[in-house]
Amino acid sequence: MKKHIWINTELSEIESQQKNDNNVDVIVTLPDRTRWWGTFFTYQNIETLRRKNKNTGENLSGTYLWSINMVIVEDVSRETIEKVVDELIREGDLQTIMAKIDDVSSDSEAEYGDDFFE
């Protein structure tokens, strides 16, 4: 299925060392102009945040952690995110796991190239 995936921070060389301990916002745009938003966390990042919260006292000293539209993955590389999004679409779970945000406006459609939208 056609889709466009925006990641709030494409990993630079320095950041790529953190691809296993990071979290990123992702917006998936579909050809029907709908857009879906979620935050992808790595398993290791969950533990890093738990330890930080334990030290700072946040979230009952690391007793819990939550994020709206959380997707937990091995790493936050574009390759992994694309595979996960493909699976969510294939299984019909994208609309359940990610939040619907504003549809693409006609003013913004040029950003997606010709032949993307239905």
C-alpha atoms as a PDB file:
ATOM      1  CA  MET A   1       0.000   0.000   0.000  1.00  0.00           C
ATOM      2  CA  LYS A   2       1.171   3.509  -0.786  1.00  0.00           C
ATOM      3  CA  LYS A   3       2.015   5.629   2.220  1.00  0.00           C
ATOM      4  CA  HIS A   4       4.219   8.550   3.209  1.00  0.00           C
ATOM      5  CA  ILE A   5       6.103   8.349   6.500  1.00  0.00           C
ATOM      6  CA  TRP A   6       7.415  11.475   8.228  1.00  0.00           C
ATOM      7  CA  ILE A   7       9.779  10.982  11.167  1.00  0.00           C
ATOM      8  CA  ASN A   8      10.414  14.023  13.349  1.00  0.00           C
ATOM      9  CA  THR A   9      14.125  13.393  13.355  1.00  0.00           C
ATOM     10  CA  GLU A  10      15.847  11.414  10.668  1.00  0.00           C
ATOM     11  CA  LEU A  11      18.876   9.904  12.306  1.00  0.00           C
ATOM     12  CA  SER A  12      22.186  11.618  11.618  1.00  0.00           C
ATOM     13  CA  GLU A  13      25.457   9.727  12.064  1.00  0.00           C
ATOM     14  CA  ILE A  14      25.652  10.806  15.706  1.00  0.00           C
ATOM     15  CA  GLU A  15      21.991  10.008  16.370  1.00  0.00           C
ATOM     16  CA  SER A  16      22.249   6.669  14.567  1.00  0.00           C
ATOM     17  CA  GLN A  17      24.320   5.471  17.501  1.00  0.00           C
ATOM     18  CA  GLN A  18      21.184   6.102  19.578  1.00  0.00           C
ATOM     19  CA  LYS A  19      18.781   4.252  17.275  1.00  0.00           C
ATOM     20  CA  ASN A  20      18.400   1.547  19.935  1.00  0.00           C
ATOM     21  CA  ASP A  21      17.757   4.024  22.782  1.00  0.00           C
ATOM     22  CA  ASN A  22      15.482   6.750  21.498  1.00  0.00           C
ATOM     23  CA  ASN A  23      11.912   7.782  20.739  1.00  0.00           C
ATOM     24  CA  VAL A  24      10.543   9.593  17.692  1.00  0.00           C
ATOM     25  CA  ASP A  25       7.243  11.012  16.503  1.00  0.00           C
ATOM     26  CA  VAL A  26       5.923   9.507  13.282  1.00  0.00           C
ATOM     27  CA  ILE A  27       3.160  10.705  10.955  1.00  0.00           C
ATOM     28  CA  VAL A  28       1.795   8.291   8.365  1.00  0.00           C
ATOM     29  CA  THR A  29      -0.093   9.804   5.435  1.00  0.00           C
ATOM     30  CA  LEU A  30      -2.299   7.571   3.306  1.00  0.00           C
ATOM     31  CA  PRO A  31      -3.521   8.154  -0.271  1.00  0.00           C
ATOM     32  CA  ASP A  32      -7.020   9.005   1.051  1.00  0.00           C
ATOM     33  CA  ARG A  33      -5.404  12.135   2.653  1.00  0.00           C
ATOM     34  CA  THR A  34      -5.752  10.825   6.208  1.00  0.00           C
ATOM     35  CA  ARG A  35      -2.805  11.283   8.564  1.00  0.00           C
ATOM     36  CA  TRP A  36      -1.995   9.165  11.605  1.00  0.00           C
ATOM     37  CA  TRP A  37       0.395  10.099  14.439  1.00  0.00           C
ATOM     38  CA  GLY A  38       2.228   7.959  16.980  1.00  0.00           C
ATOM     39  CA  THR A  39       5.416   7.935  19.020  1.00  0.00           C
ATOM     40  CA  PHE A  40       7.834   5.056  18.506  1.00  0.00           C
ATOM     41  CA  PHE A  41       9.955   4.112  21.551  1.00  0.00           C
ATOM     42  CA  THR A  42      12.710   1.530  21.632  1.00  0.00           C
ATOM     43  CA  TYR A  43      12.655  -1.155  24.315  1.00  0.00           C
ATOM     44  CA  GLN A  44      15.959   0.196  25.607  1.00  0.00           C
ATOM     45  CA  ASN A  45      14.565   3.744  25.741  1.00  0.00           C
ATOM     46  CA  ILE A  46      11.721   2.549  27.971  1.00  0.00           C
ATOM     47  CA  GLU A  47      14.321   1.256  30.444  1.00  0.00           C
ATOM     48  CA  THR A  48      16.380   4.455  30.161  1.00  0.00           C
ATOM     49  CA  LEU A  49      13.293   6.547  30.914  1.00  0.00           C
ATOM     50  CA  ARG A  50      12.359   4.257  33.821  1.00  0.00           C
ATOM     51  CA  ARG A  51      15.811   4.681  35.375  1.00  0.00           C
ATOM     52  CA  LYS A  52      15.731   8.451  34.841  1.00  0.00           C
ATOM     53  CA  ASN A  53      12.293   8.677  36.439  1.00  0.00           C
ATOM     54  CA  LYS A  54      13.468   6.548  39.352  1.00  0.00           C
ATOM     55  CA  ASN A  55      16.247   9.068  39.985  1.00  0.00           C
ATOM     56  CA  THR A  56      14.120  12.194  39.476  1.00  0.00           C
ATOM     57  CA  GLY A  57      10.992  10.949  41.232  1.00  0.00           C
ATOM     58  CA  GLU A  58       8.831  11.377  38.131  1.00  0.00           C
ATOM     59  CA  ASN A  59       5.988   8.915  37.528  1.00  0.00           C
ATOM     60  CA  LEU A  60       6.122   7.648  41.110  1.00  0.00           C
ATOM     61  CA  SER A  61       9.888   7.210  40.858  1.00  0.00           C
ATOM     62  CA  GLY A  62       9.692   5.116  37.707  1.00  0.00           C
ATOM     63  CA  THR A  63       6.781   2.973  38.860  1.00  0.00           C
ATOM     64  CA  TYR A  64       4.920   3.649  35.612  1.00  0.00           C
ATOM     65  CA  LEU A  65       5.471   5.130  32.168  1.00  0.00           C
ATOM     66  CA  TRP A  66       2.903   6.039  29.589  1.00  0.00           C
ATOM     67  CA  SER A  67       2.597   7.860  26.302  1.00  0.00           C
ATOM     68  CA  ILE A  68      -0.398   8.307  24.083  1.00  0.00           C
ATOM     69  CA  ASN A  69      -0.148   6.355  20.811  1.00  0.00           C
ATOM     70  CA  MET A  70       2.965   4.473  21.959  1.00  0.00           C
ATOM     71  CA  VAL A  71       4.535   1.904  19.658  1.00  0.00           C
ATOM     72  CA  ILE A  72       7.512  -0.034  21.064  1.00  0.00           C
ATOM     73  CA  VAL A  73      10.154  -1.229  18.587  1.00  0.00           C
ATOM     74  CA  GLU A  74      13.664  -2.705  18.526  1.00  0.00           C
ATOM     75  CA  ASP A  75      15.144   0.464  17.002  1.00  0.00           C
ATOM     76  CA  VAL A  76      13.926   3.723  15.484  1.00  0.00           C
ATOM     77  CA  SER A  77      15.627   3.403  12.114  1.00  0.00           C
ATOM     78  CA  ARG A  78      13.539   4.339   9.078  1.00  0.00           C
ATOM     79  CA  GLU A  79      13.780   0.726   7.905  1.00  0.00           C
ATOM     80  CA  THR A  80      12.244  -0.626  11.121  1.00  0.00           C
ATOM     81  CA  ILE A  81       9.558   2.057  11.270  1.00  0.00           C
ATOM     82  CA  GLU A  82       8.538   1.349   7.662  1.00  0.00           C
ATOM     83  CA  LYS A  83       8.303  -2.398   8.355  1.00  0.00           C
ATOM     84  CA  VAL A  84       6.169  -1.800  11.449  1.00  0.00           C
ATOM     85  CA  VAL A  85       3.869   0.654   9.649  1.00  0.00           C
ATOM     86  CA  ASP A  86       3.457  -1.821   6.766  1.00  0.00           C
ATOM     87  CA  GLU A  87       2.472  -4.512   9.271  1.00  0.00           C
ATOM     88  CA  LEU A  88       0.024  -2.197  11.084  1.00  0.00           C
ATOM     89  CA  ILE A  89      -1.637  -1.361   7.761  1.00  0.00           C
ATOM     90  CA  ARG A  90      -1.690  -5.013   6.619  1.00  0.00           C
ATOM     91  CA  GLU A  91      -3.259  -6.145   9.903  1.00  0.00           C
ATOM     92  CA  GLY A  92      -5.744  -3.234  10.001  1.00  0.00           C
ATOM     93  CA  ASP A  93      -4.281  -1.874  13.247  1.00  0.00           C
ATOM     94  CA  LEU A  94      -2.970   1.530  12.131  1.00  0.00           C
ATOM     95  CA  GLN A  95      -6.212   3.351  12.966  1.00  0.00           C
ATOM     96  CA  THR A  96      -6.378   1.683  16.392  1.00  0.00           C
ATOM     97  CA  ILE A  97      -2.783   2.249  17.475  1.00  0.00           C
ATOM     98  CA  MET A  98      -2.107   5.682  15.989  1.00  0.00           C
ATOM     99  CA  ALA A  99      -4.191   8.855  16.423  1.00  0.00           C
ATOM    100  CA  LYS A 100      -5.934  10.504  13.490  1.00  0.00           C
ATOM    101  CA  ILE A 101      -4.823  14.079  12.952  1.00  0.00           C
ATOM    102  CA  ASP A 102      -5.891  16.671  10.368  1.00  0.00           C
ATOM    103  CA  ASP A 103      -6.147  15.391   6.810  1.00  0.00           C
ATOM    104  CA  VAL A 104      -3.743  16.734   4.195  1.00  0.00           C
ATOM    105  CA  SER A 105      -5.017  20.052   2.852  1.00  0.00           C
ATOM    106  CA  SER A 106      -4.974  20.874  -0.842  1.00  0.00           C
ATOM    107  CA  ASP A 107      -2.320  23.514  -0.050  1.00  0.00           C
ATOM    108  CA  SER A 108       0.071  20.806   1.177  1.00  0.00           C
ATOM    109  CA  GLU A 109      -0.495  18.093  -1.404  1.00  0.00           C
ATOM    110  CA  ALA A 110       2.497  19.130  -3.570  1.00  0.00           C
ATOM    111  CA  GLU A 111       4.809  17.908  -0.774  1.00  0.00           C
ATOM    112  CA  TYR A 112       3.726  14.342  -1.557  1.00  0.00           C
ATOM    113  CA  GLY A 113       4.431  14.347  -5.283  1.00  0.00           C
ATOM    114  CA  ASP A 114       2.252  13.540  -8.254  1.00  0.00           C
ATOM    115  CA  ASP A 115       0.096  10.405  -8.194  1.00  0.00           C
ATOM    116  CA  PHE A 116       0.189   9.949  -4.405  1.00  0.00           C
ATOM    117  CA  PHE A 117      -3.408  10.870  -3.605  1.00  0.00           C
ATOM    118  CA  GLU A 118      -6.465   8.986  -4.843  1.00  0.00           C
END
